[in-house]
Amino acid sequence: MEAIDGEPGVSGGSCMSQTVLDVDSVVKRYHRKTAVDGVSFSVQRGEILGFLGPNGAGKTTTLRMIMGITVPDAGRVTFRLEGAGGSQRVPKHRVGYLPEERGLYKEARILDVLLFLASIKGMPKDEARRKALDWLERFGLGAYANAKVEELSKGMAQKVQFIAAVIHEPDLVVLDEPFSGLDPVNQEVFREEIRRLKERGAAVLLSSHQMNLVEETCDRIFLINNGRRVLYGTLVDVKAQYGVHRVNMLVSDPDWDWRPPDLVEQVNRDGARWTCLLRPGVTPGQFMHSLPAGAPVEEISIARISLHDIFVRMATQGEAA
């Protein structure tokens, strides 16, 4: 399946023209297994790039190469930050990272943890204290500033770790599964803060399994499977090329025996309910014309498949390849 090439410029403002992160043909092997095989993409200033893939696809390995935790066997990761030129070393004071494996000092007090992590990023103590308290208030944690980390719920601790990743106002923010374990209310809180990062002009690389949140949040997506690029482009482009239609029908005769034409890629029947997945390029009108005269159809609805459906479809094809 041909991938969509994402263009560097994404609509949304003049700040979008600057590339902040370049990942160029990176490869990572573990013994005889190639975990990441020649992956390339870029992240622009003022955009959110969704980085997607099933478990074991090479997603976290790629993020670790970006953050310098793992060294690529081939290819390169380049940070193109204003005033610093192109660097292959992670500029810690200008990059924020929320790892998938959450970890905070359980015995430490929340404010102390944030001040310590901010100091590593080069923030003056007074500025770090002010911003930490502001962030805690914004997340409804103002009363917990002097509480120990072990006293927090999972969602609260995740908020603290998010604060630690962005308190120094980085140019690039890498978020690995930021919505994992959050209830819907806190998912929306995080989504709003991620949008604010974009509005501030930060480049955001967001890895998540929650397709509905990715679809609502990201400007472009990159899908990796079996260590290779499968999809890369704007949501509009991806849906235009791969977003085929689904037709839902309710028929009056559950025993109606109809064999759909080649226009239909997949059919699911549940009694009187039919779900037909149209082949790419087939229009709903063509499908409607294919129905036989007198078809016992009582209700019919048509919709484009979601990003989740596209993800499952492409990931399944990758596993079968």
Protein backbone atom coordinates (compact mmCIF):
# COMPACT_ATOMS: atom_id res chain seq x y z
CA MET A 1 0.00 0.00 0.00
CA GLU A 2 1.42 3.35 -1.01
CA ALA A 3 2.07 5.84 1.76
CA ILE A 4 1.05 9.48 1.68
CA ASP A 5 3.97 11.86 1.84
CA GLY A 6 3.39 14.64 4.33
CA GLU A 7 4.50 18.07 3.21
CA PRO A 8 6.52 20.21 5.63
CA GLY A 9 4.11 23.11 5.46
CA VAL A 10 0.80 22.49 7.22
CA SER A 11 -1.93 25.08 7.21
CA GLY A 12 -2.40 26.91 10.46
CA GLY A 13 -0.07 29.90 10.58
CA SER A 14 3.29 31.23 9.52
CA CYS A 15 5.10 29.46 12.37
CA MET A 16 4.32 26.17 10.63
CA SER A 17 7.06 26.63 8.04
CA GLN A 18 9.92 25.79 10.40
CA THR A 19 11.01 22.19 10.81
CA VAL A 20 11.94 21.51 14.43
CA LEU A 21 12.67 17.78 14.23
CA ASP A 22 13.97 15.69 11.31
CA VAL A 23 14.02 11.91 11.55
CA ASP A 24 15.93 10.60 8.55
CA SER A 25 15.98 6.89 7.62
CA VAL A 26 16.56 5.65 11.16
CA VAL A 27 17.17 1.94 11.70
CA LYS A 28 17.35 -0.02 14.94
CA ARG A 29 18.12 -3.72 15.18
CA TYR A 30 18.01 -6.04 18.17
CA HIS A 31 19.91 -9.22 17.44
CA ARG A 32 18.29 -10.54 14.23
CA LYS A 33 15.12 -8.47 14.51
CA THR A 34 14.81 -5.07 12.84
CA ALA A 35 12.59 -3.04 15.17
CA VAL A 36 12.70 0.15 13.06
CA ASP A 37 13.49 -0.03 9.36
CA GLY A 38 14.33 3.23 7.58
CA VAL A 39 11.72 5.50 9.16
CA SER A 40 11.67 9.17 8.10
CA PHE A 41 9.41 12.06 9.10
CA SER A 42 9.54 15.64 10.35
CA VAL A 43 7.68 17.71 12.92
CA GLN A 44 6.97 21.38 12.28
CA ARG A 45 6.75 24.30 14.63
CA GLY A 46 3.13 24.88 15.65
CA GLU A 47 1.78 21.45 14.68
CA ILE A 48 0.79 18.22 16.38
CA LEU A 49 1.97 15.05 14.62
CA GLY A 50 0.20 11.87 15.73
CA PHE A 51 2.60 8.92 15.84
CA LEU A 52 0.59 5.71 15.64
CA GLY A 53 1.22 2.00 15.51
CA PRO A 54 0.10 -1.30 17.05
CA ASN A 55 2.04 -2.85 19.92
CA GLY A 56 5.48 -3.95 18.79
CA ALA A 57 5.40 -1.80 15.64
CA GLY A 58 8.54 0.18 16.56
CA LYS A 59 6.82 3.25 17.94
CA THR A 60 8.47 3.51 21.36
CA THR A 61 11.85 2.48 19.93
CA THR A 62 11.63 5.41 17.50
CA LEU A 63 10.75 7.84 20.29
CA ARG A 64 13.69 6.58 22.34
CA MET A 65 16.02 7.19 19.42
CA ILE A 66 14.68 10.73 19.14
CA MET A 67 15.34 11.32 22.84
CA GLY A 68 18.85 9.85 22.71
CA ILE A 69 17.96 6.96 25.01
CA THR A 70 18.69 4.50 22.19
CA VAL A 71 21.27 5.09 19.45
CA PRO A 72 20.18 4.37 15.84
CA ASP A 73 22.16 1.73 13.94
CA ALA A 74 21.69 3.85 10.81
CA GLY A 75 20.11 7.14 9.87
CA ARG A 76 20.00 10.27 11.97
CA VAL A 77 17.82 12.43 14.20
CA THR A 78 18.36 16.18 13.80
CA PHE A 79 16.97 18.98 15.96
CA ARG A 80 16.58 22.19 13.97
CA LEU A 81 16.02 24.76 16.69
CA GLU A 82 16.19 28.48 16.12
CA GLY A 83 19.58 29.89 17.04
CA ALA A 84 21.13 26.46 17.47
CA GLY A 85 21.35 25.19 13.88
CA GLY A 86 21.04 21.47 13.21
CA SER A 87 22.12 19.29 16.12
CA GLN A 88 22.02 15.54 16.59
CA ARG A 89 22.30 15.85 20.37
CA VAL A 90 19.12 16.25 22.40
CA PRO A 91 18.99 19.88 23.65
CA LYS A 92 17.38 19.07 27.02
CA HIS A 93 16.51 22.66 27.86
CA ARG A 94 14.45 22.95 24.64
CA VAL A 95 12.83 19.52 24.47
CA GLY A 96 10.13 18.09 26.76
CA TYR A 97 9.50 14.36 27.09
CA LEU A 98 6.66 12.43 28.71
CA PRO A 99 7.69 8.75 28.59
CA GLU A 100 5.22 5.89 28.47
CA GLU A 101 6.79 4.43 31.61
CA ARG A 102 5.69 6.90 34.28
CA GLY A 103 8.10 7.40 37.15
CA LEU A 104 8.35 9.99 39.91
CA TYR A 105 10.12 10.01 43.26
CA LYS A 106 7.36 8.61 45.50
CA GLU A 107 8.78 9.90 48.78
CA ALA A 108 9.43 13.41 47.45
CA ARG A 109 7.05 16.33 47.67
CA ILE A 110 5.42 17.36 44.41
CA LEU A 111 6.78 20.90 44.31
CA ASP A 112 10.29 19.66 45.12
CA VAL A 113 10.10 17.14 42.26
CA LEU A 114 9.05 19.82 39.80
CA LEU A 115 11.75 22.23 40.96
CA PHE A 116 14.42 19.55 40.68
CA LEU A 117 13.37 18.50 37.18
CA ALA A 118 13.11 22.15 36.09
CA SER A 119 16.65 22.78 37.34
CA ILE A 120 17.90 20.01 35.07
CA LYS A 121 16.37 21.95 32.17
CA GLY A 122 18.29 25.07 33.25
CA MET A 123 15.40 27.04 34.77
CA PRO A 124 16.16 29.58 37.54
CA LYS A 125 14.63 28.44 40.84
CA ASP A 126 12.32 31.44 41.31
CA GLU A 127 10.92 31.14 37.79
CA ALA A 128 10.51 27.38 38.18
CA ARG A 129 8.64 27.80 41.48
CA ARG A 130 6.27 30.38 40.01
CA LYS A 131 5.51 28.29 36.93
CA ALA A 132 5.17 25.07 38.91
CA LEU A 133 2.60 26.63 41.24
CA ASP A 134 0.75 28.12 38.27
CA TRP A 135 0.60 24.74 36.54
CA LEU A 136 -0.54 22.94 39.70
CA GLU A 137 -3.37 25.44 40.09
CA ARG A 138 -4.34 25.03 36.43
CA PHE A 139 -4.57 21.26 36.91
CA GLY A 140 -6.50 21.55 40.18
CA LEU A 141 -3.52 20.38 42.23
CA GLY A 142 -2.68 23.61 44.04
CA ALA A 143 -3.54 22.10 47.42
CA TYR A 144 -1.15 19.19 46.77
CA ALA A 145 2.05 21.20 46.22
CA ASN A 146 3.55 19.94 49.49
CA ALA A 147 2.02 16.46 49.34
CA LYS A 148 4.16 13.43 48.59
CA VAL A 149 3.91 11.83 45.16
CA GLU A 150 2.78 8.55 46.73
CA GLU A 151 -0.36 10.32 47.99
CA LEU A 152 -1.54 11.09 44.47
CA SER A 153 -3.91 9.10 42.30
CA LYS A 154 -2.62 7.79 38.97
CA GLY A 155 -4.29 10.64 37.08
CA MET A 156 -2.85 13.26 39.45
CA ALA A 157 0.65 11.82 39.14
CA GLN A 158 0.31 11.86 35.37
CA LYS A 159 -0.57 15.55 35.51
CA VAL A 160 2.57 16.22 37.56
CA GLN A 161 4.72 14.36 35.04
CA PHE A 162 3.11 16.32 32.20
CA ILE A 163 3.96 19.56 34.02
CA ALA A 164 7.56 18.39 34.37
CA ALA A 165 7.71 17.80 30.60
CA VAL A 166 6.50 21.29 29.62
CA ILE A 167 7.32 23.62 32.52
CA HIS A 168 10.38 25.02 30.71
CA GLU A 169 8.30 25.87 27.60
CA PRO A 170 10.19 23.59 25.20
CA ASP A 171 10.25 24.04 21.43
CA LEU A 172 9.64 20.31 20.92
CA VAL A 173 7.37 18.17 23.11
CA VAL A 174 7.41 14.37 22.78
CA LEU A 175 4.42 12.69 24.46
CA ASP A 176 4.30 8.89 24.65
CA GLU A 177 0.74 7.73 25.43
CA PRO A 178 -0.25 10.88 27.35
CA PHE A 179 -3.93 9.84 27.61
CA SER A 180 -3.28 6.34 28.95
CA GLY A 181 -5.12 5.64 32.20
CA LEU A 182 -6.97 8.97 32.26
CA ASP A 183 -10.72 9.29 32.64
CA PRO A 184 -12.61 11.18 29.89
CA VAL A 185 -12.60 14.45 31.85
CA ASN A 186 -8.83 14.43 32.32
CA GLN A 187 -8.30 13.27 28.73
CA GLU A 188 -10.05 16.45 27.63
CA VAL A 189 -7.93 18.52 30.06
CA PHE A 190 -4.76 17.06 28.54
CA ARG A 191 -6.05 17.55 25.01
CA GLU A 192 -6.72 21.21 25.71
CA GLU A 193 -3.22 21.71 27.15
CA ILE A 194 -1.67 19.97 24.13
CA ARG A 195 -3.57 22.33 21.85
CA ARG A 196 -2.20 25.25 23.87
CA LEU A 197 1.32 23.96 23.28
CA LYS A 198 0.61 24.08 19.56
CA GLU A 199 -0.84 27.59 19.79
CA ARG A 200 2.31 28.71 21.61
CA GLY A 201 4.29 27.49 18.61
CA ALA A 202 5.73 24.27 19.99
CA ALA A 203 6.18 21.21 17.79
CA VAL A 204 4.34 18.27 19.37
CA LEU A 205 4.98 14.60 18.62
CA LEU A 206 2.14 12.62 20.17
CA SER A 207 2.03 8.84 20.38
CA SER A 208 -1.31 7.29 21.33
CA HIS A 209 -3.52 4.25 20.79
CA GLN A 210 -6.69 6.30 21.28
CA MET A 211 -7.68 7.09 17.73
CA ASN A 212 -10.62 9.33 18.56
CA LEU A 213 -8.36 11.65 20.55
CA VAL A 214 -5.70 11.61 17.83
CA GLU A 215 -8.31 12.42 15.20
CA GLU A 216 -9.60 15.36 17.25
CA THR A 217 -6.15 16.68 18.19
CA CYS A 218 -3.55 16.08 15.48
CA ASP A 219 -2.78 17.94 12.24
CA ARG A 220 -0.90 15.08 10.60
CA ILE A 221 -0.43 11.40 11.34
CA PHE A 222 2.34 8.88 10.88
CA LEU A 223 1.46 5.18 11.07
CA ILE A 224 4.26 2.68 11.63
CA ASN A 225 3.83 -1.08 11.41
CA ASN A 226 6.46 -3.82 11.46
CA GLY A 227 9.07 -1.07 11.82
CA ARG A 228 8.13 0.65 8.55
CA ARG A 229 6.10 3.64 7.50
CA VAL A 230 2.58 2.82 6.36
CA LEU A 231 0.81 6.19 6.35
CA TYR A 232 2.10 9.75 6.59
CA GLY A 233 0.11 12.86 5.85
CA THR A 234 -2.62 15.23 6.94
CA LEU A 235 -5.85 13.76 8.26
CA VAL A 236 -7.64 15.17 5.22
CA ASP A 237 -5.23 13.44 2.83
CA VAL A 238 -5.33 10.15 4.71
CA LYS A 239 -9.10 10.07 4.81
CA ALA A 240 -9.37 11.08 1.17
CA GLN A 241 -7.16 8.18 0.07
CA TYR A 242 -8.03 5.52 2.63
CA GLY A 243 -11.23 6.75 4.23
CA VAL A 244 -13.64 4.50 2.38
CA HIS A 245 -17.35 4.53 3.12
CA ARG A 246 -19.37 2.27 5.38
CA VAL A 247 -23.03 1.60 4.55
CA ASN A 248 -25.37 0.45 7.32
CA MET A 249 -28.68 -1.09 6.26
CA LEU A 250 -31.73 -2.37 8.12
CA VAL A 251 -33.76 -4.80 6.03
CA SER A 252 -37.31 -6.03 6.60
CA ASP A 253 -36.44 -9.60 5.63
CA PRO A 254 -33.65 -11.12 7.79
CA ASP A 255 -33.40 -14.01 5.32
CA TRP A 256 -32.82 -11.75 2.33
CA ASP A 257 -30.07 -13.40 0.31
CA TRP A 258 -28.11 -10.78 -1.59
CA ARG A 259 -24.57 -11.13 -2.81
CA PRO A 260 -23.01 -7.66 -2.99
CA PRO A 261 -21.07 -6.81 -6.16
CA ASP A 262 -17.33 -6.20 -6.37
CA LEU A 263 -17.96 -2.64 -5.20
CA VAL A 264 -18.07 -4.01 -1.65
CA GLU A 265 -14.91 -5.10 0.14
CA GLN A 266 -16.45 -6.55 3.28
CA VAL A 267 -19.95 -7.44 4.51
CA ASN A 268 -21.08 -8.13 8.05
CA ARG A 269 -24.59 -9.44 8.73
CA ASP A 270 -26.36 -9.50 12.08
CA GLY A 271 -29.90 -10.64 11.46
CA ALA A 272 -31.69 -7.80 9.71
CA ARG A 273 -28.71 -5.45 9.98
CA TRP A 274 -26.10 -5.25 7.24
CA THR A 275 -22.81 -3.37 7.31
CA CYS A 276 -21.02 -3.01 3.98
CA LEU A 277 -17.50 -1.60 3.69
CA LEU A 278 -17.05 -0.13 0.21
CA ARG A 279 -13.85 -0.52 -1.73
CA PRO A 280 -11.57 2.56 -2.01
CA GLY A 281 -12.84 4.89 -4.73
CA VAL A 282 -16.38 3.51 -4.72
CA THR A 283 -19.00 6.19 -4.09
CA PRO A 284 -22.18 5.70 -2.05
CA GLY A 285 -24.15 6.48 -5.21
CA GLN A 286 -22.56 3.56 -7.06
CA PHE A 287 -23.47 1.28 -4.19
CA MET A 288 -27.08 2.51 -4.14
CA HIS A 289 -27.42 1.82 -7.87
CA SER A 290 -26.16 -1.72 -7.30
CA LEU A 291 -29.06 -2.62 -5.01
CA PRO A 292 -31.61 -4.80 -6.82
CA ALA A 293 -35.10 -3.49 -7.53
CA GLY A 294 -37.46 -4.28 -4.69
CA ALA A 295 -34.65 -4.72 -2.14
CA PRO A 296 -36.28 -4.92 1.33
CA VAL A 297 -34.24 -2.03 2.72
CA GLU A 298 -36.06 -0.05 5.42
CA GLU A 299 -33.24 2.18 6.62
CA ILE A 300 -29.85 3.10 5.21
CA SER A 301 -27.06 5.33 6.49
CA ILE A 302 -23.68 6.17 4.98
CA ALA A 303 -20.54 7.48 6.69
CA ARG A 304 -16.81 7.64 6.11
CA ILE A 305 -14.86 5.20 8.24
CA SER A 306 -12.98 6.73 11.15
CA LEU A 307 -9.25 7.00 11.73
CA HIS A 308 -9.62 4.02 14.07
CA ASP A 309 -11.04 1.95 11.21
CA ILE A 310 -8.22 3.04 8.90
CA PHE A 311 -5.66 2.20 11.59
CA VAL A 312 -7.08 -1.30 12.13
CA ARG A 313 -7.32 -1.91 8.40
CA MET A 314 -3.76 -0.84 7.60
CA ALA A 315 -2.28 -2.59 10.65
CA THR A 316 -4.06 -5.81 9.72
CA GLN A 317 -2.81 -5.59 6.14
CA GLY A 318 0.71 -5.05 7.48
CA GLU A 319 0.49 -8.17 9.62
CA ALA A 320 -0.72 -10.18 6.64
CA ALA A 321 2.04 -8.90 4.36
